Amino acid sequence: MNWLWTWGGMSFGYRDGDDLWTFDGHHVARFDGDEIYGPDGRYLGELMNCDRLITHRSKRNWRGARFRPYGRRIGYVRYVNYVGYVMYAGFEDFPPPEALH
């Protein structure tokens, strides 16, 4: 289990295998390499710098395999937020956990 933060520094949740979970126990996405896709197959973002989530604007129309999310897990206390990184041109911050429930 690897804890992850958005590019802006918000504690998001964790990666367990190829699955992305929010800190409060919702299975919201799957990894395909470093790219992240939601249950409906739409591109949500990607993993950069080992523990930061970011969205590349030009990939918004990309599609991956659909999947059925697992049931909720027990949530964890949210990790502390970090200072955000300067945003790269053509990117935007990954959606917050609440937006993907």
PDB file of N, CA and C in Angstrom:
ATOM      1  N   MET A   1       0.846  -1.167   0.000  1.00  0.00           N
ATOM      2  CA  MET A   1       0.000   0.000   0.000  1.00  0.00           C
ATOM      3  C   MET A   1       0.898   1.238   0.000  1.00  0.00           C
ATOM      4  N   ASN A   2       0.721   2.082  -1.010  1.00  0.00           N
ATOM      5  CA  ASN A   2       1.500   3.317  -1.137  1.00  0.00           C
ATOM      6  C   ASN A   2       0.563   4.512  -1.066  1.00  0.00           C
ATOM      7  N   TRP A   3       0.789   5.403  -0.106  1.00  0.00           N
ATOM      8  CA  TRP A   3      -0.042   6.592   0.047  1.00  0.00           C
ATOM      9  C   TRP A   3       0.293   7.606  -1.027  1.00  0.00           C
ATOM     10  N   LEU A   4      -0.742   8.318  -1.493  1.00  0.00           N
ATOM     11  CA  LEU A   4      -0.604   9.256  -2.604  1.00  0.00           C
ATOM     12  C   LEU A   4      -1.223  10.608  -2.264  1.00  0.00           C
ATOM     13  N   TRP A   5      -0.678  11.643  -2.897  1.00  0.00           N
ATOM     14  CA  TRP A   5      -1.158  13.011  -2.739  1.00  0.00           C
ATOM     15  C   TRP A   5      -1.419  13.607  -4.118  1.00  0.00           C
ATOM     16  N   THR A   6      -2.314  14.584  -4.189  1.00  0.00           N
ATOM     17  CA  THR A   6      -2.516  15.286  -5.448  1.00  0.00           C
ATOM     18  C   THR A   6      -1.299  16.183  -5.687  1.00  0.00           C
ATOM     19  N   TRP A   7      -1.162  16.675  -6.906  1.00  0.00           N
ATOM     20  CA  TRP A   7      -0.043  17.554  -7.239  1.00  0.00           C
ATOM     21  C   TRP A   7      -0.062  18.798  -6.353  1.00  0.00           C
ATOM     22  N   GLY A   8      -1.245  19.240  -5.987  1.00  0.00           N
ATOM     23  CA  GLY A   8      -1.384  20.401  -5.125  1.00  0.00           C
ATOM     24  C   GLY A   8      -1.093  20.115  -3.660  1.00  0.00           C
ATOM     25  N   GLY A   9      -0.859  18.858  -3.306  1.00  0.00           N
ATOM     26  CA  GLY A   9      -0.462  18.500  -1.952  1.00  0.00           C
ATOM     27  C   GLY A   9      -1.532  17.895  -1.072  1.00  0.00           C
ATOM     28  N   MET A  10      -2.769  17.701  -1.588  1.00  0.00           N
ATOM     29  CA  MET A  10      -3.845  17.141  -0.778  1.00  0.00           C
ATOM     30  C   MET A  10      -3.674  15.625  -0.636  1.00  0.00           C
ATOM     31  N   SER A  11      -3.802  15.136   0.576  1.00  0.00           N
ATOM     32  CA  SER A  11      -3.766  13.695   0.814  1.00  0.00           C
ATOM     33  C   SER A  11      -4.971  13.069   0.112  1.00  0.00           C
ATOM     34  N   PHE A  12      -4.723  12.102  -0.776  1.00  0.00           N
ATOM     35  CA  PHE A  12      -5.797  11.509  -1.563  1.00  0.00           C
ATOM     36  C   PHE A  12      -6.220  10.153  -1.028  1.00  0.00           C
ATOM     37  N   GLY A  13      -5.279   9.262  -0.898  1.00  0.00           N
ATOM     38  CA  GLY A  13      -5.568   7.890  -0.510  1.00  0.00           C
ATOM     39  C   GLY A  13      -4.359   7.032  -0.805  1.00  0.00           C
ATOM     40  N   TYR A  14      -4.595   5.844  -1.343  1.00  0.00           N
ATOM     41  CA  TYR A  14      -3.473   4.938  -1.541  1.00  0.00           C
ATOM     42  C   TYR A  14      -3.664   4.035  -2.754  1.00  0.00           C
ATOM     43  N   ARG A  15      -2.537   3.492  -3.196  1.00  0.00           N
ATOM     44  CA  ARG A  15      -2.516   2.508  -4.278  1.00  0.00           C
ATOM     45  C   ARG A  15      -2.304   1.147  -3.641  1.00  0.00           C
ATOM     46  N   ASP A  16      -3.159   0.212  -4.010  1.00  0.00           N
ATOM     47  CA  ASP A  16      -3.028  -1.172  -3.561  1.00  0.00           C
ATOM     48  C   ASP A  16      -3.027  -2.031  -4.814  1.00  0.00           C
ATOM     49  N   GLY A  17      -1.871  -2.486  -5.235  1.00  0.00           N
ATOM     50  CA  GLY A  17      -1.742  -3.188  -6.507  1.00  0.00           C
ATOM     51  C   GLY A  17      -2.000  -2.213  -7.638  1.00  0.00           C
ATOM     52  N   ASP A  18      -2.969  -2.515  -8.494  1.00  0.00           N
ATOM     53  CA  ASP A  18      -3.332  -1.615  -9.587  1.00  0.00           C
ATOM     54  C   ASP A  18      -4.603  -0.821  -9.288  1.00  0.00           C
ATOM     55  N   ASP A  19      -5.028  -0.806  -8.040  1.00  0.00           N
ATOM     56  CA  ASP A  19      -6.260  -0.121  -7.655  1.00  0.00           C
ATOM     57  C   ASP A  19      -5.961   1.139  -6.857  1.00  0.00           C
ATOM     58  N   LEU A  20      -6.753   2.196  -7.114  1.00  0.00           N
ATOM     59  CA  LEU A  20      -6.639   3.459  -6.396  1.00  0.00           C
ATOM     60  C   LEU A  20      -7.823   3.581  -5.445  1.00  0.00           C
ATOM     61  N   TRP A  21      -7.507   3.769  -4.173  1.00  0.00           N
ATOM     62  CA  TRP A  21      -8.509   3.877  -3.110  1.00  0.00           C
ATOM     63  C   TRP A  21      -8.405   5.253  -2.457  1.00  0.00           C
ATOM     64  N   THR A  22      -9.555   5.833  -2.105  1.00  0.00           N
ATOM     65  CA  THR A  22      -9.537   7.073  -1.345  1.00  0.00           C
ATOM     66  C   THR A  22      -9.232   6.741   0.113  1.00  0.00           C
ATOM     67  N   PHE A  23      -8.811   7.735   0.864  1.00  0.00           N
ATOM     68  CA  PHE A  23      -8.477   7.516   2.273  1.00  0.00           C
ATOM     69  C   PHE A  23      -9.664   6.972   3.064  1.00  0.00           C
ATOM     70  N   ASP A  24     -10.903   7.294   2.620  1.00  0.00           N
ATOM     71  CA  ASP A  24     -12.084   6.835   3.355  1.00  0.00           C
ATOM     72  C   ASP A  24     -12.664   5.525   2.827  1.00  0.00           C
ATOM     73  N   GLY A  25     -11.903   4.800   1.992  1.00  0.00           N
ATOM     74  CA  GLY A  25     -12.268   3.439   1.632  1.00  0.00           C
ATOM     75  C   GLY A  25     -13.050   3.214   0.360  1.00  0.00           C
ATOM     76  N   HIS A  26     -13.089   4.179  -0.565  1.00  0.00           N
ATOM     77  CA  HIS A  26     -13.782   4.003  -1.840  1.00  0.00           C
ATOM     78  C   HIS A  26     -12.783   3.595  -2.932  1.00  0.00           C
ATOM     79  N   HIS A  27     -13.132   2.568  -3.685  1.00  0.00           N
ATOM     80  CA  HIS A  27     -12.327   2.137  -4.836  1.00  0.00           C
ATOM     81  C   HIS A  27     -12.755   3.004  -6.021  1.00  0.00           C
ATOM     82  N   VAL A  28     -11.892   3.930  -6.452  1.00  0.00           N
ATOM     83  CA  VAL A  28     -12.311   4.929  -7.434  1.00  0.00           C
ATOM     84  C   VAL A  28     -11.632   4.812  -8.796  1.00  0.00           C
ATOM     85  N   ALA A  29     -10.557   4.053  -8.903  1.00  0.00           N
ATOM     86  CA  ALA A  29      -9.850   4.009 -10.182  1.00  0.00           C
ATOM     87  C   ALA A  29      -8.892   2.827 -10.233  1.00  0.00           C
ATOM     88  N   ARG A  30      -8.379   2.596 -11.457  1.00  0.00           N
ATOM     89  CA  ARG A  30      -7.364   1.570 -11.683  1.00  0.00           C
ATOM     90  C   ARG A  30      -6.207   2.170 -12.454  1.00  0.00           C
ATOM     91  N   PHE A  31      -5.029   1.623 -12.177  1.00  0.00           N
ATOM     92  CA  PHE A  31      -3.814   2.040 -12.869  1.00  0.00           C
ATOM     93  C   PHE A  31      -3.593   1.171 -14.098  1.00  0.00           C
ATOM     94  N   ASP A  32      -3.144   1.791 -15.168  1.00  0.00           N
ATOM     95  CA  ASP A  32      -2.637   1.117 -16.356  1.00  0.00           C
ATOM     96  C   ASP A  32      -1.250   1.705 -16.558  1.00  0.00           C
ATOM     97  N   GLY A  33      -0.264   1.067 -15.974  1.00  0.00           N
ATOM     98  CA  GLY A  33       1.068   1.664 -15.908  1.00  0.00           C
ATOM     99  C   GLY A  33       1.001   2.819 -14.933  1.00  0.00           C
ATOM    100  N   ASP A  34       1.352   4.023 -15.398  1.00  0.00           N
ATOM    101  CA  ASP A  34       1.260   5.214 -14.548  1.00  0.00           C
ATOM    102  C   ASP A  34      -0.026   5.993 -14.775  1.00  0.00           C
ATOM    103  N   GLU A  35      -0.820   5.591 -15.758  1.00  0.00           N
ATOM    104  CA  GLU A  35      -2.075   6.297 -16.049  1.00  0.00           C
ATOM    105  C   GLU A  35      -3.204   5.714 -15.204  1.00  0.00           C
ATOM    106  N   ILE A  36      -4.174   6.574 -14.900  1.00  0.00           N
ATOM    107  CA  ILE A  36      -5.262   6.210 -13.996  1.00  0.00           C
ATOM    108  C   ILE A  36      -6.596   6.397 -14.712  1.00  0.00           C
ATOM    109  N   TYR A  37      -7.435   5.348 -14.650  1.00  0.00           N
ATOM    110  CA  TYR A  37      -8.740   5.364 -15.310  1.00  0.00           C
ATOM    111  C   TYR A  37      -9.848   5.044 -14.316  1.00  0.00           C
ATOM    112  N   GLY A  38     -10.981   5.743 -14.462  1.00  0.00           N
ATOM    113  CA  GLY A  38     -12.134   5.532 -13.596  1.00  0.00           C
ATOM    114  C   GLY A  38     -12.913   4.298 -13.993  1.00  0.00           C
ATOM    115  N   PRO A  39     -13.944   3.934 -13.201  1.00  0.00           N
ATOM    116  CA  PRO A  39     -14.754   2.746 -13.486  1.00  0.00           C
ATOM    117  C   PRO A  39     -15.405   2.758 -14.870  1.00  0.00           C
ATOM    118  N   ASP A  40     -15.720   3.938 -15.394  1.00  0.00           N
ATOM    119  CA  ASP A  40     -16.334   4.045 -16.715  1.00  0.00           C
ATOM    120  C   ASP A  40     -15.297   4.040 -17.839  1.00  0.00           C
ATOM    121  N   GLY A  41     -14.023   3.911 -17.487  1.00  0.00           N
ATOM    122  CA  GLY A  41     -12.948   3.849 -18.474  1.00  0.00           C
ATOM    123  C   GLY A  41     -12.343   5.189 -18.839  1.00  0.00           C
ATOM    124  N   ARG A  42     -12.851   6.288 -18.294  1.00  0.00           N
ATOM    125  CA  ARG A  42     -12.306   7.595 -18.678  1.00  0.00           C
ATOM    126  C   ARG A  42     -11.002   7.878 -17.937  1.00  0.00           C
ATOM    127  N   TYR A  43     -10.119   8.565 -18.626  1.00  0.00           N
ATOM    128  CA  TYR A  43      -8.831   8.963 -18.068  1.00  0.00           C
ATOM    129  C   TYR A  43      -9.055   9.974 -16.948  1.00  0.00           C
ATOM    130  N   LEU A  44      -8.420   9.737 -15.807  1.00  0.00           N
ATOM    131  CA  LEU A  44      -8.501  10.672 -14.682  1.00  0.00           C
ATOM    132  C   LEU A  44      -7.189  11.404 -14.444  1.00  0.00           C
ATOM    133  N   GLY A  45      -6.080  10.732 -14.721  1.00  0.00           N
ATOM    134  CA  GLY A  45      -4.794  11.356 -14.460  1.00  0.00           C
ATOM    135  C   GLY A  45      -3.674  10.337 -14.518  1.00  0.00           C
ATOM    136  N   GLU A  46      -2.578  10.682 -13.858  1.00  0.00           N
ATOM    137  CA  GLU A  46      -1.427   9.795 -13.848  1.00  0.00           C
ATOM    138  C   GLU A  46      -0.585  10.026 -12.610  1.00  0.00           C
ATOM    139  N   LEU A  47       0.302   9.095 -12.374  1.00  0.00           N
ATOM    140  CA  LEU A  47       1.202   9.145 -11.232  1.00  0.00           C
ATOM    141  C   LEU A  47       2.536   9.728 -11.671  1.00  0.00           C
ATOM    142  N   MET A  48       3.007  10.732 -10.933  1.00  0.00           N
ATOM    143  CA  MET A  48       4.320  11.327 -11.205  1.00  0.00           C
ATOM    144  C   MET A  48       5.085  11.448  -9.895  1.00  0.00           C
ATOM    145  N   ASN A  49       6.386  11.411  -9.980  1.00  0.00           N
ATOM    146  CA  ASN A  49       7.263  11.569  -8.805  1.00  0.00           C
ATOM    147  C   ASN A  49       6.964  10.545  -7.708  1.00  0.00           C
ATOM    148  N   CYS A  50       6.531   9.362  -8.084  1.00  0.00           N
ATOM    149  CA  CYS A  50       6.298   8.214  -7.186  1.00  0.00           C
ATOM    150  C   CYS A  50       5.072   8.316  -6.285  1.00  0.00           C
ATOM    151  N   ASP A  51       4.633   9.528  -5.908  1.00  0.00           N
ATOM    152  CA  ASP A  51       3.518   9.604  -4.964  1.00  0.00           C
ATOM    153  C   ASP A  51       2.575  10.779  -5.207  1.00  0.00           C
ATOM    154  N   ARG A  52       2.643  11.378  -6.402  1.00  0.00           N
ATOM    155  CA  ARG A  52       1.780  12.529  -6.704  1.00  0.00           C
ATOM    156  C   ARG A  52       0.871  12.228  -7.895  1.00  0.00           C
ATOM    157  N   LEU A  53      -0.380  12.649  -7.788  1.00  0.00           N
ATOM    158  CA  LEU A  53      -1.385  12.456  -8.823  1.00  0.00           C
ATOM    159  C   LEU A  53      -1.604  13.770  -9.563  1.00  0.00           C
ATOM    160  N   ILE A  54      -1.646  13.701 -10.885  1.00  0.00           N
ATOM    161  CA  ILE A  54      -1.787  14.888 -11.724  1.00  0.00           C
ATOM    162  C   ILE A  54      -2.583  14.497 -12.968  1.00  0.00           C
ATOM    163  N   THR A  55      -3.214  15.448 -13.609  1.00  0.00           N
ATOM    164  CA  THR A  55      -4.009  15.191 -14.816  1.00  0.00           C
ATOM    165  C   THR A  55      -3.420  15.950 -16.002  1.00  0.00           C
ATOM    166  N   HIS A  56      -3.193  15.234 -17.099  1.00  0.00           N
ATOM    167  CA  HIS A  56      -2.698  15.835 -18.336  1.00  0.00           C
ATOM    168  C   HIS A  56      -3.923  16.227 -19.160  1.00  0.00           C
ATOM    169  N   ARG A  57      -4.096  17.509 -19.414  1.00  0.00           N
ATOM    170  CA  ARG A  57      -5.305  17.997 -20.096  1.00  0.00           C
ATOM    171  C   ARG A  57      -5.520  17.381 -21.466  1.00  0.00           C
ATOM    172  N   SER A  58      -4.468  17.131 -22.214  1.00  0.00           N
ATOM    173  CA  SER A  58      -4.641  16.615 -23.576  1.00  0.00           C
ATOM    174  C   SER A  58      -5.091  15.156 -23.600  1.00  0.00           C
ATOM    175  N   LYS A  59      -5.072  14.474 -22.465  1.00  0.00           N
ATOM    176  CA  LYS A  59      -5.483  13.064 -22.409  1.00  0.00           C
ATOM    177  C   LYS A  59      -6.912  12.893 -21.893  1.00  0.00           C
ATOM    178  N   ARG A  60      -7.635  13.969 -21.663  1.00  0.00           N
ATOM    179  CA  ARG A  60      -8.978  13.878 -21.085  1.00  0.00           C
ATOM    180  C   ARG A  60      -9.936  12.980 -21.867  1.00  0.00           C
ATOM    181  N   ASN A  61      -9.751  12.869 -23.167  1.00  0.00           N
ATOM    182  CA  ASN A  61     -10.649  12.036 -23.984  1.00  0.00           C
ATOM    183  C   ASN A  61     -10.177  10.598 -24.118  1.00  0.00           C
ATOM    184  N   TRP A  62      -9.092  10.254 -23.484  1.00  0.00           N
ATOM    185  CA  TRP A  62      -8.586   8.876 -23.547  1.00  0.00           C
ATOM    186  C   TRP A  62      -9.518   7.951 -22.764  1.00  0.00           C
ATOM    187  N   ARG A  63      -9.583   6.725 -23.216  1.00  0.00           N
ATOM    188  CA  ARG A  63     -10.413   5.711 -22.570  1.00  0.00           C
ATOM    189  C   ARG A  63      -9.592   4.456 -22.310  1.00  0.00           C
ATOM    190  N   GLY A  64      -9.889   3.824 -21.193  1.00  0.00           N
ATOM    191  CA  GLY A  64      -9.278   2.552 -20.840  1.00  0.00           C
ATOM    192  C   GLY A  64     -10.380   1.527 -20.626  1.00  0.00           C
ATOM    193  N   ALA A  65     -10.025   0.413 -20.056  1.00  0.00           N
ATOM    194  CA  ALA A  65     -11.003  -0.647 -19.784  1.00  0.00           C
ATOM    195  C   ALA A  65     -11.926  -0.232 -18.644  1.00  0.00           C
ATOM    196  N   ARG A  66     -13.204  -0.561 -18.783  1.00  0.00           N
ATOM    197  CA  ARG A  66     -14.158  -0.325 -17.701  1.00  0.00           C
ATOM    198  C   ARG A  66     -13.982  -1.409 -16.650  1.00  0.00           C
ATOM    199  N   PHE A  67     -14.448  -1.128 -15.451  1.00  0.00           N
ATOM    200  CA  PHE A  67     -14.408  -2.132 -14.386  1.00  0.00           C
ATOM    201  C   PHE A  67     -15.481  -1.814 -13.353  1.00  0.00           C
ATOM    202  N   ARG A  68     -15.805  -2.825 -12.556  1.00  0.00           N
ATOM    203  CA  ARG A  68     -16.764  -2.639 -11.479  1.00  0.00           C
ATOM    204  C   ARG A  68     -15.980  -2.428 -10.184  1.00  0.00           C
ATOM    205  N   PRO A  69     -16.183  -1.290  -9.510  1.00  0.00           N
ATOM    206  CA  PRO A  69     -15.429  -1.022  -8.280  1.00  0.00           C
ATOM    207  C   PRO A  69     -15.746  -2.053  -7.189  1.00  0.00           C
ATOM    208  N   TYR A  70     -14.745  -2.319  -6.375  1.00  0.00           N
ATOM    209  CA  TYR A  70     -14.944  -3.187  -5.217  1.00  0.00           C
ATOM    210  C   TYR A  70     -15.782  -2.441  -4.187  1.00  0.00           C
ATOM    211  N   GLY A  71     -16.364  -3.198  -3.251  1.00  0.00           N
ATOM    212  CA  GLY A  71     -17.110  -2.584  -2.156  1.00  0.00           C
ATOM    213  C   GLY A  71     -16.185  -1.767  -1.269  1.00  0.00           C
ATOM    214  N   ARG A  72     -16.778  -0.941  -0.447  1.00  0.00           N
ATOM    215  CA  ARG A  72     -15.986  -0.069   0.431  1.00  0.00           C
ATOM    216  C   ARG A  72     -15.140  -0.868   1.400  1.00  0.00           C
ATOM    217  N   ARG A  73     -14.020  -0.302   1.746  1.00  0.00           N
ATOM    218  CA  ARG A  73     -13.132  -0.819   2.778  1.00  0.00           C
ATOM    219  C   ARG A  73     -13.233   0.102   3.991  1.00  0.00           C
ATOM    220  N   ILE A  74     -12.644  -0.350   5.051  1.00  0.00           N
ATOM    221  CA  ILE A  74     -12.545   0.516   6.222  1.00  0.00           C
ATOM    222  C   ILE A  74     -11.629   1.680   5.858  1.00  0.00           C
ATOM    223  N   GLY A  75     -12.026   2.880   6.216  1.00  0.00           N
ATOM    224  CA  GLY A  75     -11.224   4.055   5.910  1.00  0.00           C
ATOM    225  C   GLY A  75     -10.061   4.222   6.866  1.00  0.00           C
ATOM    226  N   TYR A  76      -9.168   5.122   6.501  1.00  0.00           N
ATOM    227  CA  TYR A  76      -8.004   5.455   7.317  1.00  0.00           C
ATOM    228  C   TYR A  76      -8.047   6.932   7.653  1.00  0.00           C
ATOM    229  N   VAL A  77      -7.370   7.294   8.710  1.00  0.00           N
ATOM    230  CA  VAL A  77      -7.214   8.718   9.015  1.00  0.00           C
ATOM    231  C   VAL A  77      -6.387   9.313   7.887  1.00  0.00           C
ATOM    232  N   ARG A  78      -6.837  10.415   7.382  1.00  0.00           N
ATOM    233  CA  ARG A  78      -6.170  11.065   6.259  1.00  0.00           C
ATOM    234  C   ARG A  78      -4.780  11.533   6.668  1.00  0.00           C
ATOM    235  N   TYR A  79      -3.809  11.270   5.799  1.00  0.00           N
ATOM    236  CA  TYR A  79      -2.457  11.759   6.050  1.00  0.00           C
ATOM    237  C   TYR A  79      -2.439  13.274   5.955  1.00  0.00           C
ATOM    238  N   VAL A  80      -1.432  13.873   6.535  1.00  0.00           N
ATOM    239  CA  VAL A  80      -1.292  15.317   6.491  1.00  0.00           C
ATOM    240  C   VAL A  80      -1.042  15.760   5.045  1.00  0.00           C
ATOM    241  N   ASN A  81      -1.557  16.928   4.685  1.00  0.00           N
ATOM    242  CA  ASN A  81      -1.309  17.483   3.354  1.00  0.00           C
ATOM    243  C   ASN A  81       0.120  18.007   3.277  1.00  0.00           C
ATOM    244  N   TYR A  82       0.652  18.021   2.069  1.00  0.00           N
ATOM    245  CA  TYR A  82       1.988  18.554   1.828  1.00  0.00           C
ATOM    246  C   TYR A  82       1.888  19.852   1.039  1.00  0.00           C
ATOM    247  N   VAL A  83       2.993  20.518   0.914  1.00  0.00           N
ATOM    248  CA  VAL A  83       3.062  21.697   0.054  1.00  0.00           C
ATOM    249  C   VAL A  83       2.952  21.199  -1.381  1.00  0.00           C
ATOM    250  N   GLY A  84       2.168  21.885  -2.190  1.00  0.00           N
ATOM    251  CA  GLY A  84       1.996  21.490  -3.588  1.00  0.00           C
ATOM    252  C   GLY A  84       3.204  21.848  -4.430  1.00  0.00           C
ATOM    253  N   TYR A  85       3.284  21.193  -5.581  1.00  0.00           N
ATOM    254  CA  TYR A  85       4.335  21.486  -6.549  1.00  0.00           C
ATOM    255  C   TYR A  85       3.838  22.537  -7.536  1.00  0.00           C
ATOM    256  N   VAL A  86       4.753  23.219  -8.176  1.00  0.00           N
ATOM    257  CA  VAL A  86       4.398  24.152  -9.238  1.00  0.00           C
ATOM    258  C   VAL A  86       3.823  23.342 -10.399  1.00  0.00           C
ATOM    259  N   MET A  87       2.691  23.798 -10.936  1.00  0.00           N
ATOM    260  CA  MET A  87       2.001  23.055 -11.987  1.00  0.00           C
ATOM    261  C   MET A  87       2.739  23.170 -13.318  1.00  0.00           C
ATOM    262  N   TYR A  88       2.867  22.028 -13.987  1.00  0.00           N
ATOM    263  CA  TYR A  88       3.456  21.996 -15.327  1.00  0.00           C
ATOM    264  C   TYR A  88       2.454  22.548 -16.338  1.00  0.00           C
ATOM    265  N   ALA A  89       2.948  23.140 -17.412  1.00  0.00           N
ATOM    266  CA  ALA A  89       2.076  23.604 -18.495  1.00  0.00           C
ATOM    267  C   ALA A  89       1.368  22.407 -19.110  1.00  0.00           C
ATOM    268  N   GLY A  90       0.080  22.533 -19.368  1.00  0.00           N
ATOM    269  CA  GLY A  90      -0.702  21.464 -19.975  1.00  0.00           C
ATOM    270  C   GLY A  90      -1.261  20.467 -18.980  1.00  0.00           C
ATOM    271  N   PHE A  91      -1.039  20.692 -17.699  1.00  0.00           N
ATOM    272  CA  PHE A  91      -1.540  19.806 -16.662  1.00  0.00           C
ATOM    273  C   PHE A  91      -2.461  20.557 -15.725  1.00  0.00           C
ATOM    274  N   GLU A  92      -3.217  19.815 -14.921  1.00  0.00           N
ATOM    275  CA  GLU A  92      -4.023  20.382 -13.852  1.00  0.00           C
ATOM    276  C   GLU A  92      -4.021  19.401 -12.687  1.00  0.00           C
ATOM    277  N   ASP A  93      -4.462  19.863 -11.530  1.00  0.00           N
ATOM    278  CA  ASP A  93      -4.442  19.006 -10.355  1.00  0.00           C
ATOM    279  C   ASP A  93      -5.442  17.862 -10.510  1.00  0.00           C
ATOM    280  N   PHE A  94      -5.109  16.731  -9.914  1.00  0.00           N
ATOM    281  CA  PHE A  94      -5.977  15.555  -9.898  1.00  0.00           C
ATOM    282  C   PHE A  94      -7.232  15.887  -9.099  1.00  0.00           C
ATOM    283  N   PRO A  95      -8.384  15.321  -9.465  1.00  0.00           N
ATOM    284  CA  PRO A  95      -9.616  15.619  -8.712  1.00  0.00           C
ATOM    285  C   PRO A  95      -9.485  15.191  -7.244  1.00  0.00           C
ATOM    286  N   PRO A  96     -10.128  15.901  -6.324  1.00  0.00           N
ATOM    287  CA  PRO A  96     -10.086  15.490  -4.911  1.00  0.00           C
ATOM    288  C   PRO A  96     -10.876  14.198  -4.710  1.00  0.00           C
ATOM    289  N   PRO A  97     -10.614  13.467  -3.642  1.00  0.00           N
ATOM    290  CA  PRO A  97     -11.307  12.193  -3.396  1.00  0.00           C
ATOM    291  C   PRO A  97     -12.820  12.319  -3.408  1.00  0.00           C
ATOM    292  N   GLU A  98     -13.331  13.387  -2.845  1.00  0.00           N
ATOM    293  CA  GLU A  98     -14.783  13.575  -2.757  1.00  0.00           C
ATOM    294  C   GLU A  98     -15.435  13.666  -4.131  1.00  0.00           C
ATOM    295  N   ALA A  99     -14.720  14.134  -5.131  1.00  0.00           N
ATOM    296  CA  ALA A  99     -15.264  14.289  -6.490  1.00  0.00           C
ATOM    297  C   ALA A  99     -15.392  12.949  -7.211  1.00  0.00           C
ATOM    298  N   LEU A 100     -14.750  11.909  -6.696  1.00  0.00           N
ATOM    299  CA  LEU A 100     -14.748  10.618  -7.395  1.00  0.00           C
ATOM    300  C   LEU A 100     -15.630   9.564  -6.732  1.00  0.00           C
ATOM    301  N   HIS A 101     -16.316   9.908  -5.680  1.00  0.00           N
ATOM    302  CA  HIS A 101     -17.217   8.932  -5.010  1.00  0.00           C
ATOM    303  C   HIS A 101     -18.428   8.683  -5.841  1.00  0.00           C
TER     304      HIS A 101
END
